[in-house]
PDB file of N, CA and C in Angstrom:
ATOM      1  N   UNK A   1      -6.421  16.751   7.104  1.00  0.00           N
ATOM      2  CA  UNK A   1      -5.612  16.999   6.080  1.00  0.00           C
ATOM      3  C   UNK A   1      -5.195  15.561   5.391  1.00  0.00           C
ATOM      4  N   UNK A   2      -5.404  14.790   5.953  1.00  0.00           N
ATOM      5  CA  UNK A   2      -5.228  13.151   5.272  1.00  0.00           C
ATOM      6  C   UNK A   2      -5.795  12.742   4.282  1.00  0.00           C
ATOM      7  N   UNK A   3      -7.209  12.943   4.596  1.00  0.00           N
ATOM      8  CA  UNK A   3      -8.423  12.710   3.604  1.00  0.00           C
ATOM      9  C   UNK A   3      -7.940  13.750   2.526  1.00  0.00           C
ATOM     10  N   UNK A   4      -7.899  15.389   2.787  1.00  0.00           N
ATOM     11  CA  UNK A   4      -7.708  15.872   1.607  1.00  0.00           C
ATOM     12  C   UNK A   4      -6.771  15.362   0.578  1.00  0.00           C
ATOM     13  N   UNK A   5      -5.651  15.073   1.121  1.00  0.00           N
ATOM     14  CA  UNK A   5      -4.752  14.557   0.090  1.00  0.00           C
ATOM     15  C   UNK A   5      -4.721  13.284  -0.311  1.00  0.00           C
ATOM     16  N   UNK A   6      -5.902  12.578  -0.623  1.00  0.00           N
ATOM     17  CA  UNK A   6      -6.632  11.238  -0.744  1.00  0.00           C
ATOM     18  C   UNK A   6      -5.762   9.988  -0.061  1.00  0.00           C
ATOM     19  N   UNK A   7      -5.439  10.599   0.989  1.00  0.00           N
ATOM     20  CA  UNK A   7      -4.917   9.099   2.039  1.00  0.00           C
ATOM     21  C   UNK A   7      -5.802   8.527   2.811  1.00  0.00           C
ATOM     22  N   UNK A   8      -6.291   7.500   2.451  1.00  0.00           N
ATOM     23  CA  UNK A   8      -7.430   6.798   2.952  1.00  0.00           C
ATOM     24  C   UNK A   8      -7.204   5.256   2.834  1.00  0.00           C
ATOM     25  N   UNK A   9      -7.686   4.338   3.635  1.00  0.00           N
ATOM     26  CA  UNK A   9      -7.882   3.044   3.752  1.00  0.00           C
ATOM     27  C   UNK A   9      -8.653   2.349   2.867  1.00  0.00           C
ATOM     28  N   UNK A  10      -8.104   2.223   1.465  1.00  0.00           N
ATOM     29  CA  UNK A  10      -8.949   1.977   0.391  1.00  0.00           C
ATOM     30  C   UNK A  10      -9.042  -0.031   0.567  1.00  0.00           C
ATOM     31  N   UNK A  11      -8.460  -0.556   1.384  1.00  0.00           N
ATOM     32  CA  UNK A  11      -8.645  -1.988   1.267  1.00  0.00           C
ATOM     33  C   UNK A  11      -8.339  -2.063   2.412  1.00  0.00           C
ATOM     34  N   UNK A  12      -8.562  -3.395   2.881  1.00  0.00           N
ATOM     35  CA  UNK A  12      -8.143  -4.205   4.286  1.00  0.00           C
ATOM     36  C   UNK A  12      -8.198  -5.438   3.689  1.00  0.00           C
ATOM     37  N   UNK A  13      -7.319  -6.354   4.999  1.00  0.00           N
ATOM     38  CA  UNK A  13      -7.243  -7.942   4.513  1.00  0.00           C
ATOM     39  C   UNK A  13      -7.906  -8.631   5.066  1.00  0.00           C
ATOM     40  N   UNK A  14      -8.377  -9.528   4.235  1.00  0.00           N
ATOM     41  CA  UNK A  14      -9.849 -10.665   4.655  1.00  0.00           C
ATOM     42  C   UNK A  14      -8.842 -11.592   5.787  1.00  0.00           C
ATOM     43  N   UNK A  15      -9.091 -11.395   6.893  1.00  0.00           N
ATOM     44  CA  UNK A  15      -8.127 -12.275   8.216  1.00  0.00           C
ATOM     45  C   UNK A  15      -8.334 -13.889   7.598  1.00  0.00           C
ATOM     46  N   UNK A  16      -9.547 -14.215   6.932  1.00  0.00           N
ATOM     47  CA  UNK A  16     -10.132 -15.647   7.038  1.00  0.00           C
ATOM     48  C   UNK A  16      -9.632 -16.030   5.202  1.00  0.00           C
ATOM     49  N   UNK A  17      -9.055 -15.371   4.509  1.00  0.00           N
ATOM     50  CA  UNK A  17      -8.470 -15.633   2.919  1.00  0.00           C
ATOM     51  C   UNK A  17      -7.291 -15.946   3.194  1.00  0.00           C
ATOM     52  N   UNK A  18      -6.656 -16.712   2.143  1.00  0.00           N
ATOM     53  CA  UNK A  18      -5.161 -17.568   1.659  1.00  0.00           C
ATOM     54  C   UNK A  18      -4.864 -16.190   1.504  1.00  0.00           C
ATOM     55  N   UNK A  19      -3.089 -15.907   2.415  1.00  0.00           N
ATOM     56  CA  UNK A  19      -2.573 -14.686   2.123  1.00  0.00           C
ATOM     57  C   UNK A  19      -1.970 -14.392   0.571  1.00  0.00           C
ATOM     58  N   UNK A  20      -1.885 -13.149   0.652  1.00  0.00           N
ATOM     59  CA  UNK A  20      -0.993 -12.613  -0.713  1.00  0.00           C
ATOM     60  C   UNK A  20      -1.501 -13.351  -1.858  1.00  0.00           C
ATOM     61  N   UNK A  21      -3.316 -13.155  -1.835  1.00  0.00           N
ATOM     62  CA  UNK A  21      -3.835 -13.733  -3.170  1.00  0.00           C
ATOM     63  C   UNK A  21      -4.881 -12.749  -3.274  1.00  0.00           C
ATOM     64  N   UNK A  22      -5.316 -11.894  -4.227  1.00  0.00           N
ATOM     65  CA  UNK A  22      -6.128 -10.861  -4.838  1.00  0.00           C
ATOM     66  C   UNK A  22      -7.511 -10.903  -4.053  1.00  0.00           C
ATOM     67  N   UNK A  23      -7.605 -11.960  -3.593  1.00  0.00           N
ATOM     68  CA  UNK A  23      -9.131 -12.422  -3.080  1.00  0.00           C
ATOM     69  C   UNK A  23      -8.609 -12.225  -1.335  1.00  0.00           C
ATOM     70  N   UNK A  24      -7.534 -11.938  -1.322  1.00  0.00           N
ATOM     71  CA  UNK A  24      -7.643 -11.860   0.494  1.00  0.00           C
ATOM     72  C   UNK A  24      -7.673 -10.120   0.948  1.00  0.00           C
ATOM     73  N   UNK A  25      -8.294  -9.422   0.058  1.00  0.00           N
ATOM     74  CA  UNK A  25      -8.155  -7.719  -0.088  1.00  0.00           C
ATOM     75  C   UNK A  25      -9.321  -7.810  -0.080  1.00  0.00           C
ATOM     76  N   UNK A  26     -10.260  -6.928   0.974  1.00  0.00           N
ATOM     77  CA  UNK A  26     -11.610  -6.223   0.364  1.00  0.00           C
ATOM     78  C   UNK A  26     -11.814  -4.862   0.382  1.00  0.00           C
ATOM     79  N   UNK A  27     -12.007  -4.617  -0.686  1.00  0.00           N
ATOM     80  CA  UNK A  27     -11.945  -3.062  -1.199  1.00  0.00           C
ATOM     81  C   UNK A  27     -13.307  -2.511  -0.569  1.00  0.00           C
ATOM     82  N   UNK A  28     -13.150  -1.352   0.003  1.00  0.00           N
ATOM     83  CA  UNK A  28     -13.765  -0.620   0.567  1.00  0.00           C
ATOM     84  C   UNK A  28     -14.230   0.473  -0.285  1.00  0.00           C
ATOM     85  N   UNK A  29     -15.850   0.853  -0.382  1.00  0.00           N
ATOM     86  CA  UNK A  29     -16.153   2.208  -1.324  1.00  0.00           C
ATOM     87  C   UNK A  29     -15.934   3.442  -0.717  1.00  0.00           C
ATOM     88  N   UNK A  30     -15.557   4.307  -1.724  1.00  0.00           N
ATOM     89  CA  UNK A  30     -14.788   5.232  -1.190  1.00  0.00           C
ATOM     90  C   UNK A  30     -15.858   6.509  -0.209  1.00  0.00           C
ATOM     91  N   UNK A  31     -16.769   6.303   0.074  1.00  0.00           N
ATOM     92  CA  UNK A  31     -17.406   7.214   1.026  1.00  0.00           C
ATOM     93  C   UNK A  31     -17.022   6.400   2.562  1.00  0.00           C
ATOM     94  N   UNK A  32     -17.682   4.893   2.587  1.00  0.00           N
ATOM     95  CA  UNK A  32     -16.860   4.096   3.413  1.00  0.00           C
ATOM     96  C   UNK A  32     -15.104   4.419   4.048  1.00  0.00           C
ATOM     97  N   UNK A  33     -14.700   4.147   3.249  1.00  0.00           N
ATOM     98  CA  UNK A  33     -13.341   4.265   3.108  1.00  0.00           C
ATOM     99  C   UNK A  33     -12.574   5.494   3.956  1.00  0.00           C
ATOM    100  N   UNK A  34     -13.438   6.355   3.703  1.00  0.00           N
ATOM    101  CA  UNK A  34     -12.891   8.167   3.846  1.00  0.00           C
ATOM    102  C   UNK A  34     -13.475   8.142   5.268  1.00  0.00           C
ATOM    103  N   UNK A  35     -14.807   7.821   5.888  1.00  0.00           N
ATOM    104  CA  UNK A  35     -15.167   7.760   7.175  1.00  0.00           C
ATOM    105  C   UNK A  35     -14.222   6.812   7.881  1.00  0.00           C
ATOM    106  N   UNK A  36     -13.949   5.609   7.912  1.00  0.00           N
ATOM    107  CA  UNK A  36     -13.188   4.721   8.150  1.00  0.00           C
ATOM    108  C   UNK A  36     -11.726   5.137   8.485  1.00  0.00           C
ATOM    109  N   UNK A  37     -11.187   5.844   7.444  1.00  0.00           N
ATOM    110  CA  UNK A  37     -10.281   6.624   7.834  1.00  0.00           C
ATOM    111  C   UNK A  37      -9.886   7.509   8.727  1.00  0.00           C
ATOM    112  N   UNK A  38     -10.849   8.578   8.688  1.00  0.00           N
ATOM    113  CA  UNK A  38     -11.247   9.264   9.727  1.00  0.00           C
ATOM    114  C   UNK A  38     -11.531   9.085  11.020  1.00  0.00           C
ATOM    115  N   UNK A  39     -12.323   8.009  11.396  1.00  0.00           N
ATOM    116  CA  UNK A  39     -12.727   7.379  12.612  1.00  0.00           C
ATOM    117  C   UNK A  39     -10.898   6.756  13.172  1.00  0.00           C
ATOM    118  N   UNK A  40     -10.318   6.383  12.024  1.00  0.00           N
ATOM    119  CA  UNK A  40      -9.018   5.316  12.314  1.00  0.00           C
ATOM    120  C   UNK A  40      -7.712   6.595  12.932  1.00  0.00           C
ATOM    121  N   UNK A  41      -7.827   7.724  12.422  1.00  0.00           N
ATOM    122  CA  UNK A  41      -6.777   8.340  12.784  1.00  0.00           C
ATOM    123  C   UNK A  41      -7.493   8.947  14.185  1.00  0.00           C
ATOM    124  N   UNK A  42      -8.504   9.094  14.541  1.00  0.00           N
ATOM    125  CA  UNK A  42      -9.268   9.711  15.380  1.00  0.00           C
ATOM    126  C   UNK A  42      -9.236   9.020  16.414  1.00  0.00           C
ATOM    127  N   UNK A  43      -9.156   7.602  16.510  1.00  0.00           N
ATOM    128  CA  UNK A  43      -8.942   6.576  17.359  1.00  0.00           C
ATOM    129  C   UNK A  43      -7.116   6.559  17.812  1.00  0.00           C
ATOM    130  N   UNK A  44      -6.175   6.938  16.910  1.00  0.00           N
ATOM    131  CA  UNK A  44      -5.115   6.872  17.324  1.00  0.00           C
ATOM    132  C   UNK A  44      -4.804   7.709  18.058  1.00  0.00           C
ATOM    133  N   UNK A  45      -5.236   9.520  17.929  1.00  0.00           N
ATOM    134  CA  UNK A  45      -5.248  10.039  18.402  1.00  0.00           C
ATOM    135  C   UNK A  45      -5.631  10.356  19.744  1.00  0.00           C
ATOM    136  N   UNK A  46      -6.491   9.718  19.925  1.00  0.00           N
ATOM    137  CA  UNK A  46      -7.060   9.212  21.478  1.00  0.00           C
ATOM    138  C   UNK A  46      -6.249   8.621  22.386  1.00  0.00           C
ATOM    139  N   UNK A  47      -5.770   7.131  21.411  1.00  0.00           N
ATOM    140  CA  UNK A  47      -5.154   6.120  22.088  1.00  0.00           C
ATOM    141  C   UNK A  47      -4.225   6.901  23.105  1.00  0.00           C
ATOM    142  N   UNK A  48      -3.070   7.663  21.729  1.00  0.00           N
ATOM    143  CA  UNK A  48      -1.661   8.352  22.517  1.00  0.00           C
ATOM    144  C   UNK A  48      -2.460   9.723  23.353  1.00  0.00           C
ATOM    145  N   UNK A  49      -3.703  10.056  23.376  1.00  0.00           N
ATOM    146  CA  UNK A  49      -3.781  10.980  24.383  1.00  0.00           C
ATOM    147  C   UNK A  49      -4.335   9.947  25.800  1.00  0.00           C
ATOM    148  N   UNK A  50      -4.699   9.132  25.714  1.00  0.00           N
ATOM    149  CA  UNK A  50      -4.869   8.517  27.186  1.00  0.00           C
ATOM    150  C   UNK A  50      -3.351   7.719  27.844  1.00  0.00           C
ATOM    151  N   UNK A  51      -2.470   7.777  26.683  1.00  0.00           N
ATOM    152  CA  UNK A  51      -1.013   7.582  27.253  1.00  0.00           C
ATOM    153  C   UNK A  51      -0.491   8.557  27.885  1.00  0.00           C
ATOM    154  N   UNK A  52      -0.746   9.891  27.676  1.00  0.00           N
ATOM    155  CA  UNK A  52      -0.348  11.067  28.468  1.00  0.00           C
ATOM    156  C   UNK A  52      -0.349  11.650  29.201  1.00  0.00           C
ATOM    157  N   UNK A  53      -0.876  10.255  30.266  1.00  0.00           N
ATOM    158  CA  UNK A  53      -0.338  10.428  31.797  1.00  0.00           C
ATOM    159  C   UNK A  53       0.723  10.430  32.688  1.00  0.00           C
ATOM    160  N   UNK A  54       1.517   9.452  31.963  1.00  0.00           N
ATOM    161  CA  UNK A  54       2.912   8.940  32.349  1.00  0.00           C
ATOM    162  C   UNK A  54       4.000   9.903  31.465  1.00  0.00           C
ATOM    163  N   UNK A  55       4.908  10.594  32.501  1.00  0.00           N
ATOM    164  CA  UNK A  55       5.447  11.481  31.985  1.00  0.00           C
ATOM    165  C   UNK A  55       6.281  10.755  30.563  1.00  0.00           C
ATOM    166  N   UNK A  56       6.711  11.228  29.036  1.00  0.00           N
ATOM    167  CA  UNK A  56       7.425  10.619  28.454  1.00  0.00           C
ATOM    168  C   UNK A  56       6.995   9.350  27.871  1.00  0.00           C
ATOM    169  N   UNK A  57       5.940   8.566  28.427  1.00  0.00           N
ATOM    170  CA  UNK A  57       5.275   7.827  27.454  1.00  0.00           C
ATOM    171  C   UNK A  57       4.856   7.778  26.165  1.00  0.00           C
ATOM    172  N   UNK A  58       3.719   8.943  25.896  1.00  0.00           N
ATOM    173  CA  UNK A  58       3.396   9.601  24.291  1.00  0.00           C
ATOM    174  C   UNK A  58       4.145   9.567  23.692  1.00  0.00           C
ATOM    175  N   UNK A  59       5.257  10.498  24.129  1.00  0.00           N
ATOM    176  CA  UNK A  59       6.789  10.988  23.369  1.00  0.00           C
ATOM    177  C   UNK A  59       7.607   9.529  23.411  1.00  0.00           C
ATOM    178  N   UNK A  60       7.626   8.727  23.700  1.00  0.00           N
ATOM    179  CA  UNK A  60       8.321   7.391  23.217  1.00  0.00           C
ATOM    180  C   UNK A  60       7.506   6.773  22.293  1.00  0.00           C
ATOM    181  N   UNK A  61       6.059   6.664  22.573  1.00  0.00           N
ATOM    182  CA  UNK A  61       5.882   5.587  21.755  1.00  0.00           C
ATOM    183  C   UNK A  61       4.941   6.189  20.336  1.00  0.00           C
ATOM    184  N   UNK A  62       5.135   7.494  20.428  1.00  0.00           N
ATOM    185  CA  UNK A  62       4.759   8.344  19.296  1.00  0.00           C
ATOM    186  C   UNK A  62       6.629   8.292  18.175  1.00  0.00           C
ATOM    187  N   UNK A  63       7.631   7.776  19.191  1.00  0.00           N
ATOM    188  CA  UNK A  63       8.626   7.895  18.490  1.00  0.00           C
ATOM    189  C   UNK A  63       9.338   6.740  18.322  1.00  0.00           C
ATOM    190  N   UNK A  64       8.566   5.790  18.492  1.00  0.00           N
ATOM    191  CA  UNK A  64       8.621   3.834  18.322  1.00  0.00           C
ATOM    192  C   UNK A  64       7.909   3.735  17.127  1.00  0.00           C
ATOM    193  N   UNK A  65       6.970   4.316  16.928  1.00  0.00           N
ATOM    194  CA  UNK A  65       5.372   4.108  16.032  1.00  0.00           C
ATOM    195  C   UNK A  65       6.264   5.228  14.897  1.00  0.00           C
ATOM    196  N   UNK A  66       7.168   6.337  14.834  1.00  0.00           N
ATOM    197  CA  UNK A  66       7.494   6.728  13.535  1.00  0.00           C
ATOM    198  C   UNK A  66       8.554   6.126  13.273  1.00  0.00           C
ATOM    199  N   UNK A  67       9.481   5.180  13.975  1.00  0.00           N
ATOM    200  CA  UNK A  67      10.692   4.813  13.684  1.00  0.00           C
ATOM    201  C   UNK A  67      10.444   3.288  12.725  1.00  0.00           C
ATOM    202  N   UNK A  68       9.289   2.980  13.358  1.00  0.00           N
ATOM    203  CA  UNK A  68       8.836   1.507  12.658  1.00  0.00           C
ATOM    204  C   UNK A  68       8.361   2.042  11.350  1.00  0.00           C
ATOM    205  N   UNK A  69       7.696   2.617  11.208  1.00  0.00           N
ATOM    206  CA  UNK A  69       6.867   3.200   9.752  1.00  0.00           C
ATOM    207  C   UNK A  69       7.822   3.805   9.162  1.00  0.00           C
ATOM    208  N   UNK A  70       8.734   4.572   9.537  1.00  0.00           N
ATOM    209  CA  UNK A  70       9.657   4.993   8.625  1.00  0.00           C
ATOM    210  C   UNK A  70      10.066   4.292   7.719  1.00  0.00           C
ATOM    211  N   UNK A  71      11.256   3.010   8.935  1.00  0.00           N
ATOM    212  CA  UNK A  71      11.640   1.733   8.163  1.00  0.00           C
ATOM    213  C   UNK A  71      10.747   1.386   7.311  1.00  0.00           C
ATOM    214  N   UNK A  72       9.538   0.922   7.513  1.00  0.00           N
ATOM    215  CA  UNK A  72       8.850   0.342   6.745  1.00  0.00           C
ATOM    216  C   UNK A  72       8.533   0.786   5.226  1.00  0.00           C
ATOM    217  N   UNK A  73       8.256   2.091   5.262  1.00  0.00           N
ATOM    218  CA  UNK A  73       8.048   2.868   4.348  1.00  0.00           C
ATOM    219  C   UNK A  73       9.772   2.956   3.086  1.00  0.00           C
ATOM    220  N   UNK A  74      10.969   3.003   3.786  1.00  0.00           N
ATOM    221  CA  UNK A  74      12.348   2.960   3.179  1.00  0.00           C
ATOM    222  C   UNK A  74      12.350   1.445   2.674  1.00  0.00           C
ATOM    223  N   UNK A  75      11.834   0.423   3.065  1.00  0.00           N
ATOM    224  CA  UNK A  75      11.969  -1.168   2.612  1.00  0.00           C
ATOM    225  C   UNK A  75      10.959  -1.105   1.859  1.00  0.00           C
ATOM    226  N   UNK A  76       9.889  -0.524   1.427  1.00  0.00           N
ATOM    227  CA  UNK A  76       8.850  -0.512   0.453  1.00  0.00           C
ATOM    228  C   UNK A  76       9.576   0.172  -0.461  1.00  0.00           C
ATOM    229  N   UNK A  77      10.205   1.128  -0.468  1.00  0.00           N
ATOM    230  CA  UNK A  77      10.750   2.773  -1.563  1.00  0.00           C
ATOM    231  C   UNK A  77       9.806   3.558  -2.016  1.00  0.00           C
ATOM    232  N   UNK A  78       8.553   3.566  -0.821  1.00  0.00           N
ATOM    233  CA  UNK A  78       7.560   4.749  -0.461  1.00  0.00           C
ATOM    234  C   UNK A  78       8.183   6.111  -0.582  1.00  0.00           C
TER     235      UNK A  78
END
């Protein structure tokens, strides 16, 4: 669903580059960006699935992640 609505990982930071410069971002080709996004989402879903062995742990981790993401998006004006 995310890919259908054009939500993809379009670029990643260069860990060896100088921060906040145009050369510090690596642009991904469209096909690779879609594949990487699907791989990333599946990895995150699987990670939460592994946490599901302890009562309440998966729900707590998901709640904290949603809260942090919400605060970040509000600060960024998105």
